[in-house]
Amino acid sequence: MHNETWRPPCVLLTVDLVILTLRSSNLHVLLVERGIDPHKGELALPGGFISDTGEDIFDAACRELREEAGLDATSLHLEQLNTYGRPDRDPRGRIVSVAYLAIAPGLPEPEAGTDASAASWRPVEEFTSGHRKLAFDHQEILDHGLERARTKIENTSLATAFCDATFTITDLQRVYEAVWGFELDPRNFYRKVQAISGFITPVDSDRRATKGRPARLFQAGPEHLLRPPMLRPLPQPRPFPRPQSETS
């Protein structure tokens, strides 16, 4: 029998944005300092409520990026990251958030607006190392955005977009190290890059960065999807300490 007393629950909708870029060879994320409660004064991802029932969710993400950080979303490739709806994620009520991700080079300094008292680029390492936390469940959203970014440079040529028009293998390696968050062995990296057809192509001129042999220059190749992919090295297990001899 149909329950005529049923009413749809009151659920509100927000958008959150994970915007990543490289600055000084380090991966940075766009964050705002909240100017209102809840979590006033804490760092958070830019975002907010949809303005009304007629606003498209993607349009809301573009508007919030413009209003909270002064950045133009038309110059970015925003892709939907995930949906977050844990009942206790926001003290203001039952609020579901649709998160978007963008990874782009050369992004300008942000300008705070609306309910953000400040907006800035912050090194991702501050938040992946556990030294600082974000408001709401934004740490979880950031972690998911970082993993998506790390996977994207495994499978696509996105990393070349963060290099100059011509670059060295070392320049490209620095991009991978910044996004993946650890150092890579130069020989293994060179071998993997060279094994991917169409990833990068050599250019005629050479660049002499230091005394000695000139550095070989490359440019982005024609392929967008990497075959085989640039898979991250597996983390090396820590060796167990050797037991001390009873006679030592």
Protein backbone atom coordinates (compact mmCIF):
# COMPACT_ATOMS: atom_id res chain seq x y z
CA MET A 1 0.00 0.00 0.00
CA HIS A 2 1.32 3.42 -0.92
CA ASN A 3 2.41 5.54 2.02
CA GLU A 4 0.64 8.85 1.47
CA THR A 5 2.38 10.47 4.46
CA TRP A 6 5.87 10.11 2.93
CA ARG A 7 7.65 13.37 2.18
CA PRO A 8 11.03 13.75 0.47
CA PRO A 9 13.80 14.48 3.00
CA CYS A 10 15.35 17.93 3.14
CA VAL A 11 18.73 17.49 1.47
CA LEU A 12 20.86 20.43 0.37
CA LEU A 13 23.44 20.38 -2.44
CA THR A 14 26.89 21.96 -2.58
CA VAL A 15 29.92 21.82 -4.85
CA ASP A 16 33.58 21.59 -3.82
CA LEU A 17 36.63 22.10 -6.00
CA VAL A 18 40.08 20.50 -5.97
CA ILE A 19 42.29 22.78 -8.10
CA LEU A 20 45.91 21.63 -8.43
CA THR A 21 48.92 23.30 -10.03
CA LEU A 22 52.72 23.29 -9.85
CA ARG A 23 54.50 26.25 -8.30
CA SER A 24 58.29 26.26 -7.85
CA SER A 25 58.34 22.56 -8.82
CA ASN A 26 55.98 21.67 -5.95
CA LEU A 27 52.36 20.56 -6.18
CA HIS A 28 49.95 23.13 -4.72
CA VAL A 29 46.22 23.10 -4.02
CA LEU A 30 43.87 26.07 -4.00
CA LEU A 31 42.43 26.67 -0.52
CA VAL A 32 40.30 29.34 1.12
CA GLU A 33 40.14 30.49 4.72
CA ARG A 34 36.53 30.32 5.82
CA GLY A 35 35.14 33.66 6.90
CA ILE A 36 31.91 32.31 8.40
CA ASP A 37 30.78 29.47 10.64
CA PRO A 38 30.98 26.53 10.67
CA HIS A 39 34.76 26.12 10.74
CA LYS A 40 35.36 29.88 10.66
CA GLY A 41 39.07 30.63 10.24
CA GLU A 42 39.90 27.11 9.04
CA LEU A 43 41.24 26.15 5.63
CA ALA A 44 38.88 24.50 3.17
CA LEU A 45 38.45 23.74 -0.49
CA PRO A 46 36.60 26.44 -2.43
CA GLY A 47 32.94 25.71 -2.98
CA GLY A 48 29.42 26.40 -1.77
CA PHE A 49 25.71 25.85 -2.25
CA ILE A 50 23.95 25.89 -5.58
CA SER A 51 22.22 29.27 -5.88
CA ASP A 52 18.73 28.00 -6.69
CA THR A 53 16.82 25.05 -8.16
CA GLY A 54 17.48 26.30 -11.68
CA GLU A 55 21.29 26.35 -11.48
CA ASP A 56 23.21 23.52 -13.14
CA ILE A 57 25.70 21.77 -10.84
CA PHE A 58 28.65 22.36 -13.17
CA ASP A 59 27.66 26.02 -13.52
CA ALA A 60 27.59 26.26 -9.73
CA ALA A 61 31.15 24.92 -9.57
CA CYS A 62 32.33 27.52 -12.08
CA ARG A 63 30.52 30.31 -10.21
CA GLU A 64 31.94 29.30 -6.82
CA LEU A 65 35.47 29.18 -8.22
CA ARG A 66 35.00 32.70 -9.55
CA GLU A 67 33.34 34.08 -6.42
CA GLU A 68 35.57 32.46 -3.80
CA ALA A 69 38.95 32.62 -5.52
CA GLY A 70 38.59 34.96 -8.50
CA LEU A 71 39.58 32.25 -11.01
CA ASP A 72 37.98 31.78 -14.41
CA ALA A 73 36.79 28.21 -14.82
CA THR A 74 36.54 28.57 -18.60
CA SER A 75 40.34 28.30 -18.77
CA LEU A 76 40.29 25.00 -16.86
CA HIS A 77 39.15 21.47 -17.59
CA LEU A 78 36.83 20.73 -14.67
CA GLU A 79 35.94 17.07 -14.33
CA GLN A 80 33.60 15.52 -11.80
CA LEU A 81 35.57 13.77 -9.09
CA ASN A 82 33.06 12.16 -6.74
CA THR A 83 29.94 12.72 -4.65
CA TYR A 84 30.12 12.98 -0.86
CA GLY A 85 27.01 12.41 1.23
CA ARG A 86 27.92 11.05 4.66
CA PRO A 87 25.08 12.19 6.99
CA ASP A 88 27.40 13.89 9.51
CA ARG A 89 29.76 15.57 7.05
CA ASP A 90 28.35 19.06 7.66
CA PRO A 91 26.96 20.40 10.98
CA ARG A 92 24.44 22.60 9.12
CA GLY A 93 22.31 19.64 8.08
CA ARG A 94 21.99 16.88 5.51
CA ILE A 95 24.25 18.23 2.77
CA VAL A 96 25.52 16.35 -0.27
CA SER A 97 28.50 17.70 -2.19
CA VAL A 98 29.56 17.09 -5.78
CA ALA A 99 33.33 17.58 -6.09
CA TYR A 100 35.18 18.69 -9.21
CA LEU A 101 38.87 18.43 -10.09
CA ALA A 102 41.12 20.53 -12.30
CA ILE A 103 44.87 20.17 -12.87
CA ALA A 104 46.50 22.98 -14.82
CA PRO A 105 49.83 24.83 -15.13
CA GLY A 106 50.43 28.56 -14.75
CA LEU A 107 47.36 29.44 -12.69
CA PRO A 108 47.31 33.00 -11.27
CA GLU A 109 47.16 34.14 -7.68
CA PRO A 110 43.61 33.76 -6.30
CA GLU A 111 41.50 36.57 -4.86
CA ALA A 112 39.18 35.83 -1.97
CA GLY A 113 35.49 36.73 -2.12
CA THR A 114 31.98 35.92 -0.75
CA ASP A 115 32.34 33.82 2.44
CA ALA A 116 36.12 33.31 2.11
CA SER A 117 38.34 35.71 4.06
CA ALA A 118 41.47 34.60 2.15
CA ALA A 119 42.42 32.40 -0.79
CA SER A 120 45.87 31.04 -1.57
CA TRP A 121 47.91 28.24 -3.09
CA ARG A 122 49.18 25.86 -0.42
CA PRO A 123 51.75 23.08 -0.82
CA VAL A 124 49.97 19.73 -0.91
CA GLU A 125 52.68 18.26 1.32
CA GLU A 126 51.33 20.26 4.27
CA PHE A 127 48.16 18.19 4.20
CA THR A 128 49.41 14.81 3.00
CA SER A 129 52.00 14.73 5.80
CA GLY A 130 49.35 15.13 8.49
CA HIS A 131 50.73 18.47 9.72
CA ARG A 132 47.47 20.28 8.88
CA LYS A 133 43.84 19.31 8.37
CA LEU A 134 41.04 20.80 6.33
CA ALA A 135 37.50 21.71 7.38
CA PHE A 136 34.53 19.38 6.92
CA ASP A 137 35.54 16.21 5.03
CA HIS A 138 37.72 18.18 2.63
CA GLN A 139 40.82 16.18 3.54
CA GLU A 140 39.12 13.09 2.12
CA ILE A 141 38.09 15.00 -1.01
CA LEU A 142 41.63 16.32 -1.47
CA ASP A 143 43.08 12.82 -1.05
CA HIS A 144 40.75 11.50 -3.75
CA GLY A 145 41.68 14.41 -6.03
CA LEU A 146 45.38 13.73 -5.55
CA GLU A 147 44.95 10.07 -6.37
CA ARG A 148 43.02 10.97 -9.53
CA ALA A 149 45.81 13.38 -10.54
CA ARG A 150 48.50 10.76 -9.90
CA THR A 151 46.59 8.23 -11.97
CA LYS A 152 46.08 10.73 -14.81
CA ILE A 153 49.81 11.29 -15.28
CA GLU A 154 50.29 7.53 -15.26
CA ASN A 155 47.93 7.06 -18.18
CA THR A 156 48.02 10.33 -20.12
CA SER A 157 50.56 12.87 -21.34
CA LEU A 158 49.25 15.51 -18.88
CA ALA A 159 52.70 15.89 -17.27
CA THR A 160 54.10 17.50 -20.44
CA ALA A 161 51.64 20.39 -20.01
CA PHE A 162 53.60 21.47 -16.93
CA CYS A 163 56.86 21.70 -18.88
CA ASP A 164 58.05 24.43 -21.24
CA ALA A 165 57.56 24.01 -24.98
CA THR A 166 60.92 22.23 -25.01
CA PHE A 167 62.19 20.37 -21.97
CA THR A 168 64.66 17.80 -20.75
CA ILE A 169 63.91 14.37 -19.33
CA THR A 170 64.95 15.79 -15.96
CA ASP A 171 62.33 18.55 -16.27
CA LEU A 172 59.66 15.94 -16.96
CA GLN A 173 60.87 13.79 -14.08
CA ARG A 174 60.44 16.72 -11.67
CA VAL A 175 56.78 16.96 -12.65
CA TYR A 176 56.20 13.29 -11.89
CA GLU A 177 58.06 13.57 -8.60
CA ALA A 178 55.99 16.61 -7.57
CA VAL A 179 52.66 14.94 -8.35
CA TRP A 180 53.54 11.47 -7.06
CA GLY A 181 55.26 12.84 -3.98
CA PHE A 182 58.55 10.95 -4.03
CA GLU A 183 61.89 10.88 -5.84
CA LEU A 184 62.44 8.66 -8.86
CA ASP A 185 65.52 6.88 -10.13
CA PRO A 186 66.70 8.85 -13.19
CA ARG A 187 67.81 5.82 -15.20
CA ASN A 188 64.57 3.91 -14.68
CA PHE A 189 62.54 7.02 -15.46
CA TYR A 190 64.47 7.66 -18.69
CA ARG A 191 64.00 4.08 -19.79
CA LYS A 192 60.23 4.13 -19.12
CA VAL A 193 59.71 7.43 -20.94
CA GLN A 194 61.65 6.30 -23.99
CA ALA A 195 59.64 3.07 -24.16
CA ILE A 196 56.34 4.94 -24.70
CA SER A 197 55.79 5.68 -28.36
CA GLY A 198 54.53 9.19 -29.09
CA PHE A 199 54.86 10.45 -25.50
CA ILE A 200 57.70 12.87 -26.22
CA THR A 201 59.72 13.63 -29.35
CA PRO A 202 63.27 14.99 -29.61
CA VAL A 203 63.97 18.47 -31.00
CA ASP A 204 67.03 19.50 -32.97
CA SER A 205 68.52 22.14 -30.67
CA ASP A 206 70.39 21.38 -27.45
CA ARG A 207 70.38 23.24 -24.15
CA ARG A 208 73.56 23.43 -22.11
CA ALA A 209 72.38 23.80 -18.52
CA THR A 210 75.81 23.27 -16.97
CA LYS A 211 79.37 22.78 -18.11
CA GLY A 212 79.92 19.60 -20.04
CA ARG A 213 77.59 17.60 -22.21
CA PRO A 214 74.53 19.56 -23.44
CA ALA A 215 71.12 18.41 -22.28
CA ARG A 216 68.96 16.80 -24.93
CA LEU A 217 65.68 18.59 -25.52
CA PHE A 218 62.23 17.13 -26.15
CA GLN A 219 58.72 18.33 -26.82
CA ALA A 220 55.29 16.85 -26.19
CA GLY A 221 54.50 14.07 -28.62
CA PRO A 222 51.26 13.42 -30.53
CA GLU A 223 49.87 10.75 -28.20
CA HIS A 224 47.54 11.66 -25.33
CA LEU A 225 47.08 8.15 -23.91
CA LEU A 226 50.28 6.45 -22.78
CA ARG A 227 50.83 2.85 -23.91
CA PRO A 228 52.31 1.35 -21.82
CA PRO A 229 51.37 3.64 -18.91
CA MET A 230 53.94 5.35 -16.66
CA LEU A 231 53.13 3.29 -13.58
CA ARG A 232 54.30 4.46 -10.20
CA PRO A 233 57.05 2.36 -8.65
CA LEU A 234 55.89 0.15 -5.83
CA PRO A 235 56.94 1.40 -2.39
CA GLN A 236 59.97 -0.43 -1.13
CA PRO A 237 59.45 -2.32 2.16
CA ARG A 238 61.57 -1.18 5.04
CA PRO A 239 64.17 -3.78 6.04
CA PHE A 240 63.75 -5.34 9.43
CA PRO A 241 66.50 -4.37 11.89
CA ARG A 242 69.11 -7.06 12.28
CA PRO A 243 68.95 -8.65 15.75
CA GLN A 244 71.92 -7.95 17.90
CA SER A 245 74.03 -10.86 18.99
CA GLU A 246 73.77 -11.74 22.66
CA THR A 247 77.53 -11.56 22.86
CA SER A 248 77.77 -8.12 21.26
